[in-house]
């Protein structure tokens, strides 16, 4: 986002970042972007509201997906 000259406002910057990614990356990345946004929301609920929402298996899946996504982002940057 910063590379292209944009900065999110301080209010709801995470939501703005996800919207920016949907607009700027090709559709092949949209499913993964939605997945990580859902994980962001789930993490916030787990952290602030309900402990134990994320299982160990799901945590491992998130890490594998993040590694793949990081590789895709490096190509973009």
Protein backbone atom coordinates (compact mmCIF):
# COMPACT_ATOMS: atom_id res chain seq x y z
CA UNK A 1 0.00 0.00 0.00
CA UNK A 2 2.78 2.40 0.95
CA UNK A 3 4.74 1.43 -2.17
CA UNK A 4 1.94 2.77 -4.36
CA UNK A 5 1.75 6.06 -2.43
CA UNK A 6 -1.30 5.33 -0.27
CA UNK A 7 -1.60 5.39 3.51
CA UNK A 8 -4.57 4.12 5.49
CA UNK A 9 -6.24 6.49 7.88
CA UNK A 10 -5.58 5.62 11.49
CA UNK A 11 -9.22 4.65 12.05
CA UNK A 12 -9.91 1.09 10.90
CA UNK A 13 -6.58 0.84 9.11
CA UNK A 14 -6.71 -2.96 9.01
CA UNK A 15 -10.07 -2.94 7.21
CA UNK A 16 -8.73 -0.41 4.74
CA UNK A 17 -5.67 -2.55 4.08
CA UNK A 18 -7.81 -5.61 3.24
CA UNK A 19 -9.96 -3.53 0.90
CA UNK A 20 -6.85 -2.15 -0.78
CA UNK A 21 -5.49 -5.65 -1.34
CA UNK A 22 -8.75 -6.77 -2.94
CA UNK A 23 -8.64 -3.81 -5.30
CA UNK A 24 -4.96 -3.97 -6.17
CA UNK A 25 -4.22 -7.71 -6.41
CA UNK A 26 -5.54 -10.05 -9.07
CA UNK A 27 -8.60 -12.19 -8.44
CA UNK A 28 -6.44 -15.27 -7.94
CA UNK A 29 -5.49 -13.78 -4.54
CA UNK A 30 -9.01 -12.83 -3.42
CA UNK A 31 -9.83 -16.16 -1.75
CA UNK A 32 -6.64 -16.00 0.29
CA UNK A 33 -7.26 -12.34 1.19
CA UNK A 34 -10.76 -13.20 2.44
CA UNK A 35 -9.33 -16.16 4.39
CA UNK A 36 -6.78 -13.99 6.21
CA UNK A 37 -9.35 -11.31 6.91
CA UNK A 38 -11.61 -13.94 8.51
CA UNK A 39 -8.62 -15.13 10.57
CA UNK A 40 -7.95 -11.52 11.63
CA UNK A 41 -11.53 -11.19 12.87
CA UNK A 42 -11.36 -14.58 14.57
CA UNK A 43 -8.05 -13.67 16.23
CA UNK A 44 -9.58 -10.48 17.62
CA UNK A 45 -12.54 -12.42 19.01
CA UNK A 46 -10.20 -15.04 20.47
CA UNK A 47 -7.95 -12.40 21.98
CA UNK A 48 -10.63 -10.14 23.43
CA UNK A 49 -13.82 -12.18 23.78
CA UNK A 50 -13.54 -15.98 23.69
CA UNK A 51 -10.36 -17.93 24.31
CA UNK A 52 -10.02 -21.27 22.51
CA UNK A 53 -11.73 -20.42 19.21
CA UNK A 54 -8.66 -21.46 17.19
CA UNK A 55 -7.61 -25.11 17.30
CA UNK A 56 -4.01 -26.29 16.91
CA UNK A 57 -4.87 -27.77 13.49
CA UNK A 58 -6.39 -24.50 12.34
CA UNK A 59 -3.35 -22.63 13.66
CA UNK A 60 -1.04 -24.84 11.59
CA UNK A 61 -3.21 -24.27 8.51
CA UNK A 62 -3.04 -20.52 9.05
CA UNK A 63 0.76 -20.64 9.26
CA UNK A 64 1.02 -22.66 6.01
CA UNK A 65 -1.33 -20.26 4.25
CA UNK A 66 0.61 -17.27 5.57
CA UNK A 67 3.87 -18.67 4.23
CA UNK A 68 2.32 -19.05 0.76
CA UNK A 69 0.87 -15.56 0.92
CA UNK A 70 4.16 -14.01 2.00
CA UNK A 71 5.79 -15.56 -1.07
CA UNK A 72 3.08 -14.03 -3.31
CA UNK A 73 3.48 -10.62 -1.65
CA UNK A 74 7.25 -10.70 -2.18
CA UNK A 75 6.65 -11.18 -5.91
CA UNK A 76 4.28 -8.18 -5.91
CA UNK A 77 6.68 -5.93 -4.01
